[in-house]
PDB file of all heavy atoms in Angstrom:
ATOM      1  N   ALA A   1     -36.884 -14.607  27.815  1.00  0.00           N
ATOM      2  CA  ALA A   1     -36.310 -15.786  28.480  1.00  0.00           C
ATOM      3  C   ALA A   1     -34.791 -15.669  28.521  1.00  0.00           C
ATOM      4  O   ALA A   1     -34.167 -15.996  29.533  1.00  0.00           O
ATOM      5  CB  ALA A   1     -36.742 -17.056  27.758  1.00  0.00           C
ATOM      6  N   HIS A   2     -34.211 -15.203  27.451  1.00  0.00           N
ATOM      7  CA  HIS A   2     -32.744 -14.966  27.402  1.00  0.00           C
ATOM      8  C   HIS A   2     -32.344 -13.969  28.490  1.00  0.00           C
ATOM      9  O   HIS A   2     -31.388 -14.204  29.249  1.00  0.00           O
ATOM     10  CB  HIS A   2     -32.373 -14.453  26.008  1.00  0.00           C
ATOM     11  CG  HIS A   2     -30.972 -14.005  25.878  1.00  0.00           C
ATOM     12  ND1 HIS A   2     -30.605 -12.682  25.878  1.00  0.00           N
ATOM     13  CD2 HIS A   2     -29.800 -14.703  25.763  1.00  0.00           C
ATOM     14  CE1 HIS A   2     -29.307 -12.573  25.750  1.00  0.00           C
ATOM     15  NE2 HIS A   2     -28.782 -13.780  25.684  1.00  0.00           N
ATOM     16  N   HIS A   3     -33.073 -12.882  28.592  1.00  0.00           N
ATOM     17  CA  HIS A   3     -32.759 -11.866  29.596  1.00  0.00           C
ATOM     18  C   HIS A   3     -32.953 -12.425  31.014  1.00  0.00           C
ATOM     19  O   HIS A   3     -32.176 -12.116  31.915  1.00  0.00           O
ATOM     20  CB  HIS A   3     -33.647 -10.629  29.388  1.00  0.00           C
ATOM     21  CG  HIS A   3     -33.336  -9.517  30.334  1.00  0.00           C
ATOM     22  ND1 HIS A   3     -32.197  -8.772  30.242  1.00  0.00           N
ATOM     23  CD2 HIS A   3     -34.016  -9.057  31.397  1.00  0.00           C
ATOM     24  CE1 HIS A   3     -32.178  -7.887  31.213  1.00  0.00           C
ATOM     25  NE2 HIS A   3     -33.258  -8.033  31.932  1.00  0.00           N
ATOM     26  N   ARG A   4     -33.956 -13.262  31.201  1.00  0.00           N
ATOM     27  CA  ARG A   4     -34.205 -13.859  32.523  1.00  0.00           C
ATOM     28  C   ARG A   4     -33.016 -14.719  32.943  1.00  0.00           C
ATOM     29  O   ARG A   4     -32.586 -14.705  34.099  1.00  0.00           O
ATOM     30  CB  ARG A   4     -35.479 -14.680  32.537  1.00  0.00           C
ATOM     31  CG  ARG A   4     -35.750 -15.325  33.887  1.00  0.00           C
ATOM     32  CD  ARG A   4     -37.065 -16.057  33.911  1.00  0.00           C
ATOM     33  NE  ARG A   4     -38.178 -15.163  33.991  1.00  0.00           N
ATOM     34  CZ  ARG A   4     -38.819 -14.867  35.124  1.00  0.00           C
ATOM     35  NH1 ARG A   4     -38.406 -15.364  36.277  1.00  0.00           N
ATOM     36  NH2 ARG A   4     -39.849 -14.049  35.108  1.00  0.00           N
ATOM     37  N   LEU A   5     -32.473 -15.501  32.001  1.00  0.00           N
ATOM     38  CA  LEU A   5     -31.318 -16.335  32.329  1.00  0.00           C
ATOM     39  C   LEU A   5     -30.110 -15.480  32.667  1.00  0.00           C
ATOM     40  O   LEU A   5     -29.331 -15.820  33.551  1.00  0.00           O
ATOM     41  CB  LEU A   5     -30.980 -17.298  31.201  1.00  0.00           C
ATOM     42  CG  LEU A   5     -31.903 -18.484  30.982  1.00  0.00           C
ATOM     43  CD1 LEU A   5     -31.357 -19.429  29.936  1.00  0.00           C
ATOM     44  CD2 LEU A   5     -32.203 -19.230  32.269  1.00  0.00           C
ATOM     45  N   LEU A   6     -29.968 -14.358  31.960  1.00  0.00           N
ATOM     46  CA  LEU A   6     -28.844 -13.467  32.253  1.00  0.00           C
ATOM     47  C   LEU A   6     -28.949 -12.826  33.633  1.00  0.00           C
ATOM     48  O   LEU A   6     -27.946 -12.695  34.327  1.00  0.00           O
ATOM     49  CB  LEU A   6     -28.754 -12.353  31.201  1.00  0.00           C
ATOM     50  CG  LEU A   6     -28.252 -12.759  29.818  1.00  0.00           C
ATOM     51  CD1 LEU A   6     -28.356 -11.570  28.864  1.00  0.00           C
ATOM     52  CD2 LEU A   6     -26.836 -13.275  29.868  1.00  0.00           C
ATOM     53  N   THR A   7     -30.149 -12.479  34.024  1.00  0.00           N
ATOM     54  CA  THR A   7     -30.300 -11.750  35.306  1.00  0.00           C
ATOM     55  C   THR A   7     -30.590 -12.656  36.497  1.00  0.00           C
ATOM     56  O   THR A   7     -30.138 -12.352  37.593  1.00  0.00           O
ATOM     57  CB  THR A   7     -31.444 -10.713  35.169  1.00  0.00           C
ATOM     58  OG1 THR A   7     -32.650 -11.371  34.786  1.00  0.00           O
ATOM     59  CG2 THR A   7     -31.072  -9.634  34.168  1.00  0.00           C
ATOM     60  N   SER A   8     -31.306 -13.748  36.281  1.00  0.00           N
ATOM     61  CA  SER A   8     -31.702 -14.604  37.411  1.00  0.00           C
ATOM     62  C   SER A   8     -30.878 -15.856  37.546  1.00  0.00           C
ATOM     63  O   SER A   8     -30.951 -16.540  38.550  1.00  0.00           O
ATOM     64  CB  SER A   8     -33.179 -15.005  37.270  1.00  0.00           C
ATOM     65  OG  SER A   8     -34.000 -13.867  37.285  1.00  0.00           O
ATOM     66  N   GLY A   9     -30.129 -16.199  36.517  1.00  0.00           N
ATOM     67  CA  GLY A   9     -29.269 -17.361  36.610  1.00  0.00           C
ATOM     68  C   GLY A   9     -29.797 -18.560  35.821  1.00  0.00           C
ATOM     69  O   GLY A   9     -30.968 -18.640  35.499  1.00  0.00           O
ATOM     70  N   TRP A  10     -28.904 -19.486  35.542  1.00  0.00           N
ATOM     71  CA  TRP A  10     -29.194 -20.679  34.772  1.00  0.00           C
ATOM     72  C   TRP A  10     -28.934 -21.896  35.643  1.00  0.00           C
ATOM     73  O   TRP A  10     -28.037 -21.857  36.507  1.00  0.00           O
ATOM     74  CB  TRP A  10     -28.290 -20.693  33.539  1.00  0.00           C
ATOM     75  CG  TRP A  10     -28.333 -21.991  32.798  1.00  0.00           C
ATOM     76  CD1 TRP A  10     -29.212 -22.359  31.844  1.00  0.00           C
ATOM     77  CD2 TRP A  10     -27.419 -23.089  32.938  1.00  0.00           C
ATOM     78  NE1 TRP A  10     -28.926 -23.626  31.402  1.00  0.00           N
ATOM     79  CE2 TRP A  10     -27.834 -24.105  32.056  1.00  0.00           C
ATOM     80  CE3 TRP A  10     -26.311 -23.324  33.742  1.00  0.00           C
ATOM     81  CZ2 TRP A  10     -27.154 -25.316  31.931  1.00  0.00           C
ATOM     82  CZ3 TRP A  10     -25.652 -24.525  33.639  1.00  0.00           C
ATOM     83  CH2 TRP A  10     -26.070 -25.520  32.735  1.00  0.00           C
ATOM     84  N   CYS A  11     -29.699 -22.948  35.425  1.00  0.00           N
ATOM     85  CA  CYS A  11     -29.452 -24.186  36.146  1.00  0.00           C
ATOM     86  C   CYS A  11     -29.700 -25.351  35.199  1.00  0.00           C
ATOM     87  O   CYS A  11     -30.250 -25.174  34.096  1.00  0.00           O
ATOM     88  CB  CYS A  11     -30.377 -24.312  37.363  1.00  0.00           C
ATOM     89  SG  CYS A  11     -32.106 -24.617  36.996  1.00  0.00           S
ATOM     90  N   SER A  12     -29.289 -26.522  35.611  1.00  0.00           N
ATOM     91  CA  SER A  12     -29.556 -27.739  34.836  1.00  0.00           C
ATOM     92  C   SER A  12     -30.132 -28.766  35.795  1.00  0.00           C
ATOM     93  O   SER A  12     -29.892 -28.740  36.995  1.00  0.00           O
ATOM     94  CB  SER A  12     -28.286 -28.278  34.182  1.00  0.00           C
ATOM     95  OG  SER A  12     -27.361 -28.695  35.162  1.00  0.00           O
ATOM     96  N   GLY A  13     -30.931 -29.674  35.236  1.00  0.00           N
ATOM     97  CA  GLY A  13     -31.507 -30.744  36.041  1.00  0.00           C
ATOM     98  C   GLY A  13     -32.808 -30.397  36.702  1.00  0.00           C
ATOM     99  O   GLY A  13     -33.430 -31.262  37.333  1.00  0.00           O
ATOM    100  N   ALA A  14     -33.280 -29.174  36.574  1.00  0.00           N
ATOM    101  CA  ALA A  14     -34.569 -28.769  37.158  1.00  0.00           C
ATOM    102  C   ALA A  14     -35.080 -27.544  36.411  1.00  0.00           C
ATOM    103  O   ALA A  14     -34.305 -26.820  35.794  1.00  0.00           O
ATOM    104  CB  ALA A  14     -34.409 -28.423  38.633  1.00  0.00           C
ATOM    105  N   LEU A  15     -36.406 -27.346  36.440  1.00  0.00           N
ATOM    106  CA  LEU A  15     -36.961 -26.146  35.835  1.00  0.00           C
ATOM    107  C   LEU A  15     -36.498 -24.895  36.600  1.00  0.00           C
ATOM    108  O   LEU A  15     -36.151 -23.884  35.995  1.00  0.00           O
ATOM    109  CB  LEU A  15     -38.501 -26.193  35.806  1.00  0.00           C
ATOM    110  CG  LEU A  15     -39.121 -27.120  34.768  1.00  0.00           C
ATOM    111  CD1 LEU A  15     -40.632 -27.170  34.939  1.00  0.00           C
ATOM    112  CD2 LEU A  15     -38.749 -26.704  33.372  1.00  0.00           C
ATOM    113  N   VAL A  16     -36.545 -24.994  37.932  1.00  0.00           N
ATOM    114  CA  VAL A  16     -36.119 -23.902  38.805  1.00  0.00           C
ATOM    115  C   VAL A  16     -35.372 -24.521  39.973  1.00  0.00           C
ATOM    116  O   VAL A  16     -35.840 -25.487  40.577  1.00  0.00           O
ATOM    117  CB  VAL A  16     -37.344 -23.110  39.352  1.00  0.00           C
ATOM    118  CG1 VAL A  16     -36.896 -21.946  40.199  1.00  0.00           C
ATOM    119  CG2 VAL A  16     -38.240 -22.644  38.232  1.00  0.00           C
ATOM    120  N   ASP A  17     -34.198 -23.957  40.301  1.00  0.00           N
ATOM    121  CA  ASP A  17     -33.467 -24.495  41.459  1.00  0.00           C
ATOM    122  C   ASP A  17     -33.820 -23.692  42.706  1.00  0.00           C
ATOM    123  O   ASP A  17     -34.640 -22.750  42.657  1.00  0.00           O
ATOM    124  CB  ASP A  17     -31.959 -24.544  41.213  1.00  0.00           C
ATOM    125  CG  ASP A  17     -31.292 -23.183  41.154  1.00  0.00           C
ATOM    126  OD1 ASP A  17     -31.970 -22.158  41.360  1.00  0.00           O
ATOM    127  OD2 ASP A  17     -30.081 -23.141  40.915  1.00  0.00           O
ATOM    128  N   GLU A  18     -33.236 -24.028  43.839  1.00  0.00           N
ATOM    129  CA  GLU A  18     -33.574 -23.400  45.111  1.00  0.00           C
ATOM    130  C   GLU A  18     -33.180 -21.925  45.153  1.00  0.00           C
ATOM    131  O   GLU A  18     -33.712 -21.154  45.959  1.00  0.00           O
ATOM    132  CB  GLU A  18     -32.954 -24.131  46.291  1.00  0.00           C
ATOM    133  CG  GLU A  18     -31.429 -24.186  46.290  1.00  0.00           C
ATOM    134  CD  GLU A  18     -30.842 -25.333  45.453  1.00  0.00           C
ATOM    135  OE1 GLU A  18     -31.619 -26.146  44.909  1.00  0.00           O
ATOM    136  OE2 GLU A  18     -29.618 -25.386  45.334  1.00  0.00           O
ATOM    137  N   ASP A  19     -32.258 -21.487  44.287  1.00  0.00           N
ATOM    138  CA  ASP A  19     -31.852 -20.080  44.261  1.00  0.00           C
ATOM    139  C   ASP A  19     -32.663 -19.244  43.285  1.00  0.00           C
ATOM    140  O   ASP A  19     -32.458 -18.049  43.180  1.00  0.00           O
ATOM    141  CB  ASP A  19     -30.366 -19.972  43.858  1.00  0.00           C
ATOM    142  CG  ASP A  19     -29.453 -20.625  44.886  1.00  0.00           C
ATOM    143  OD1 ASP A  19     -29.802 -20.611  46.092  1.00  0.00           O
ATOM    144  OD2 ASP A  19     -28.401 -21.172  44.490  1.00  0.00           O
ATOM    145  N   GLY A  20     -33.581 -19.892  42.562  1.00  0.00           N
ATOM    146  CA  GLY A  20     -34.421 -19.177  41.595  1.00  0.00           C
ATOM    147  C   GLY A  20     -33.872 -19.190  40.185  1.00  0.00           C
ATOM    148  O   GLY A  20     -34.462 -18.606  39.289  1.00  0.00           O
ATOM    149  N   ALA A  21     -32.724 -19.825  39.967  1.00  0.00           N
ATOM    150  CA  ALA A  21     -32.176 -19.947  38.610  1.00  0.00           C
ATOM    151  C   ALA A  21     -33.050 -20.924  37.835  1.00  0.00           C
ATOM    152  O   ALA A  21     -33.670 -21.829  38.389  1.00  0.00           O
ATOM    153  CB  ALA A  21     -30.732 -20.439  38.685  1.00  0.00           C
ATOM    154  N   ARG A  22     -33.106 -20.752  36.526  1.00  0.00           N
ATOM    155  CA  ARG A  22     -33.980 -21.559  35.678  1.00  0.00           C
ATOM    156  C   ARG A  22     -33.213 -22.198  34.535  1.00  0.00           C
ATOM    157  O   ARG A  22     -32.181 -21.691  34.115  1.00  0.00           O
ATOM    158  CB  ARG A  22     -35.097 -20.702  35.095  1.00  0.00           C
ATOM    159  CG  ARG A  22     -36.003 -20.130  36.167  1.00  0.00           C
ATOM    160  CD  ARG A  22     -37.107 -19.295  35.572  1.00  0.00           C
ATOM    161  NE  ARG A  22     -37.973 -18.793  36.621  1.00  0.00           N
ATOM    162  CZ  ARG A  22     -39.088 -19.401  37.054  1.00  0.00           C
ATOM    163  NH1 ARG A  22     -39.435 -20.550  36.519  1.00  0.00           N
ATOM    164  NH2 ARG A  22     -39.795 -18.869  38.016  1.00  0.00           N
ATOM    165  N   CYS A  23     -33.774 -23.301  34.034  1.00  0.00           N
ATOM    166  CA  CYS A  23     -33.230 -23.905  32.821  1.00  0.00           C
ATOM    167  C   CYS A  23     -33.862 -23.168  31.633  1.00  0.00           C
ATOM    168  O   CYS A  23     -34.666 -22.254  31.795  1.00  0.00           O
ATOM    169  CB  CYS A  23     -33.545 -25.396  32.786  1.00  0.00           C
ATOM    170  SG  CYS A  23     -35.289 -25.759  32.499  1.00  0.00           S
ATOM    171  N   MET A  24     -33.512 -23.569  30.432  1.00  0.00           N
ATOM    172  CA  MET A  24     -34.026 -22.876  29.244  1.00  0.00           C
ATOM    173  C   MET A  24     -35.559 -22.966  29.180  1.00  0.00           C
ATOM    174  O   MET A  24     -36.225 -21.950  28.957  1.00  0.00           O
ATOM    175  CB  MET A  24     -33.391 -23.511  27.984  1.00  0.00           C
ATOM    176  CG  MET A  24     -31.884 -23.336  27.945  1.00  0.00           C
ATOM    177  SD  MET A  24     -31.107 -24.368  26.678  1.00  0.00           S
ATOM    178  CE  MET A  24     -31.308 -23.323  25.263  1.00  0.00           C
ATOM    179  N   ILE A  25     -36.115 -24.154  29.370  1.00  0.00           N
ATOM    180  CA  ILE A  25     -37.562 -24.318  29.305  1.00  0.00           C
ATOM    181  C   ILE A  25     -38.224 -23.613  30.501  1.00  0.00           C
ATOM    182  O   ILE A  25     -39.292 -22.993  30.366  1.00  0.00           O
ATOM    183  CB  ILE A  25     -37.949 -25.819  29.267  1.00  0.00           C
ATOM    184  CG1 ILE A  25     -37.488 -26.449  27.961  1.00  0.00           C
ATOM    185  CG2 ILE A  25     -39.430 -26.023  29.479  1.00  0.00           C
ATOM    186  CD1 ILE A  25     -38.206 -25.931  26.719  1.00  0.00           C
ATOM    187  N   GLY A  26     -37.591 -23.631  31.649  1.00  0.00           N
ATOM    188  CA  GLY A  26     -38.134 -22.928  32.827  1.00  0.00           C
ATOM    189  C   GLY A  26     -38.212 -21.431  32.589  1.00  0.00           C
ATOM    190  O   GLY A  26     -39.180 -20.785  33.009  1.00  0.00           O
ATOM    191  N   ALA A  27     -37.228 -20.874  31.932  1.00  0.00           N
ATOM    192  CA  ALA A  27     -37.257 -19.446  31.612  1.00  0.00           C
ATOM    193  C   ALA A  27     -38.351 -19.128  30.593  1.00  0.00           C
ATOM    194  O   ALA A  27     -39.065 -18.119  30.733  1.00  0.00           O
ATOM    195  CB  ALA A  27     -35.891 -18.990  31.073  1.00  0.00           C
ATOM    196  N   ILE A  28     -38.505 -19.980  29.595  1.00  0.00           N
ATOM    197  CA  ILE A  28     -39.580 -19.773  28.611  1.00  0.00           C
ATOM    198  C   ILE A  28     -40.940 -19.870  29.278  1.00  0.00           C
ATOM    199  O   ILE A  28     -41.822 -19.037  29.050  1.00  0.00           O
ATOM    200  CB  ILE A  28     -39.451 -20.805  27.448  1.00  0.00           C
ATOM    201  CG1 ILE A  28     -38.211 -20.500  26.598  1.00  0.00           C
ATOM    202  CG2 ILE A  28     -40.699 -20.817  26.592  1.00  0.00           C
ATOM    203  CD1 ILE A  28     -37.897 -21.559  25.550  1.00  0.00           C
ATOM    204  N   ARG A  29     -41.114 -20.868  30.134  1.00  0.00           N
ATOM    205  CA  ARG A  29     -42.393 -21.059  30.819  1.00  0.00           C
ATOM    206  C   ARG A  29     -42.717 -19.868  31.722  1.00  0.00           C
ATOM    207  O   ARG A  29     -43.853 -19.386  31.762  1.00  0.00           O
ATOM    208  CB  ARG A  29     -42.377 -22.335  31.640  1.00  0.00           C
ATOM    209  CG  ARG A  29     -43.709 -22.666  32.274  1.00  0.00           C
ATOM    210  CD  ARG A  29     -43.738 -24.061  32.811  1.00  0.00           C
ATOM    211  NE  ARG A  29     -43.712 -24.993  31.667  1.00  0.00           N
ATOM    212  CZ  ARG A  29     -43.411 -26.286  31.758  1.00  0.00           C
ATOM    213  NH1 ARG A  29     -43.112 -26.808  32.936  1.00  0.00           N
ATOM    214  NH2 ARG A  29     -43.402 -27.033  30.710  1.00  0.00           N
ATOM    215  N   ALA A  30     -41.715 -19.349  32.412  1.00  0.00           N
ATOM    216  CA  ALA A  30     -41.948 -18.198  33.307  1.00  0.00           C
ATOM    217  C   ALA A  30     -42.320 -16.959  32.511  1.00  0.00           C
ATOM    218  O   ALA A  30     -43.174 -16.171  32.936  1.00  0.00           O
ATOM    219  CB  ALA A  30     -40.715 -17.924  34.134  1.00  0.00           C
ATOM    220  N   GLU A  31     -41.727 -16.792  31.360  1.00  0.00           N
ATOM    221  CA  GLU A  31     -42.019 -15.594  30.554  1.00  0.00           C
ATOM    222  C   GLU A  31     -43.253 -15.744  29.683  1.00  0.00           C
ATOM    223  O   GLU A  31     -43.802 -14.747  29.238  1.00  0.00           O
ATOM    224  CB  GLU A  31     -40.806 -15.267  29.677  1.00  0.00           C
ATOM    225  CG  GLU A  31     -39.575 -14.838  30.426  1.00  0.00           C
ATOM    226  CD  GLU A  31     -39.787 -13.545  31.221  1.00  0.00           C
ATOM    227  OE1 GLU A  31     -40.580 -12.672  30.779  1.00  0.00           O
ATOM    228  OE2 GLU A  31     -39.156 -13.401  32.280  1.00  0.00           O
ATOM    229  N   ALA A  32     -43.731 -16.952  29.463  1.00  0.00           N
ATOM    230  CA  ALA A  32     -44.923 -17.167  28.651  1.00  0.00           C
ATOM    231  C   ALA A  32     -46.189 -16.733  29.381  1.00  0.00           C
ATOM    232  O   ALA A  32     -47.219 -16.481  28.718  1.00  0.00           O
ATOM    233  CB  ALA A  32     -45.020 -18.623  28.214  1.00  0.00           C
ATOM    234  N   GLY A  33     -46.143 -16.681  30.676  1.00  0.00           N
ATOM    235  CA  GLY A  33     -47.304 -16.215  31.432  1.00  0.00           C
ATOM    236  C   GLY A  33     -48.504 -17.120  31.321  1.00  0.00           C
ATOM    237  O   GLY A  33     -49.640 -16.650  31.304  1.00  0.00           O
ATOM    238  N   GLY A  34     -48.319 -18.415  31.180  1.00  0.00           N
ATOM    239  CA  GLY A  34     -49.404 -19.363  31.129  1.00  0.00           C
ATOM    240  C   GLY A  34     -49.941 -19.637  29.732  1.00  0.00           C
ATOM    241  O   GLY A  34     -50.839 -20.467  29.570  1.00  0.00           O
TER     242      GLY A  34
END
């Protein structure tokens, strides 16, 4: 999740923004694979 934020970007106020950047929980959720 840390690496995802570094490479894909960070955002606030949403799990994923329109550019594909994620918040902390959004990055964890994406990397958890369900």
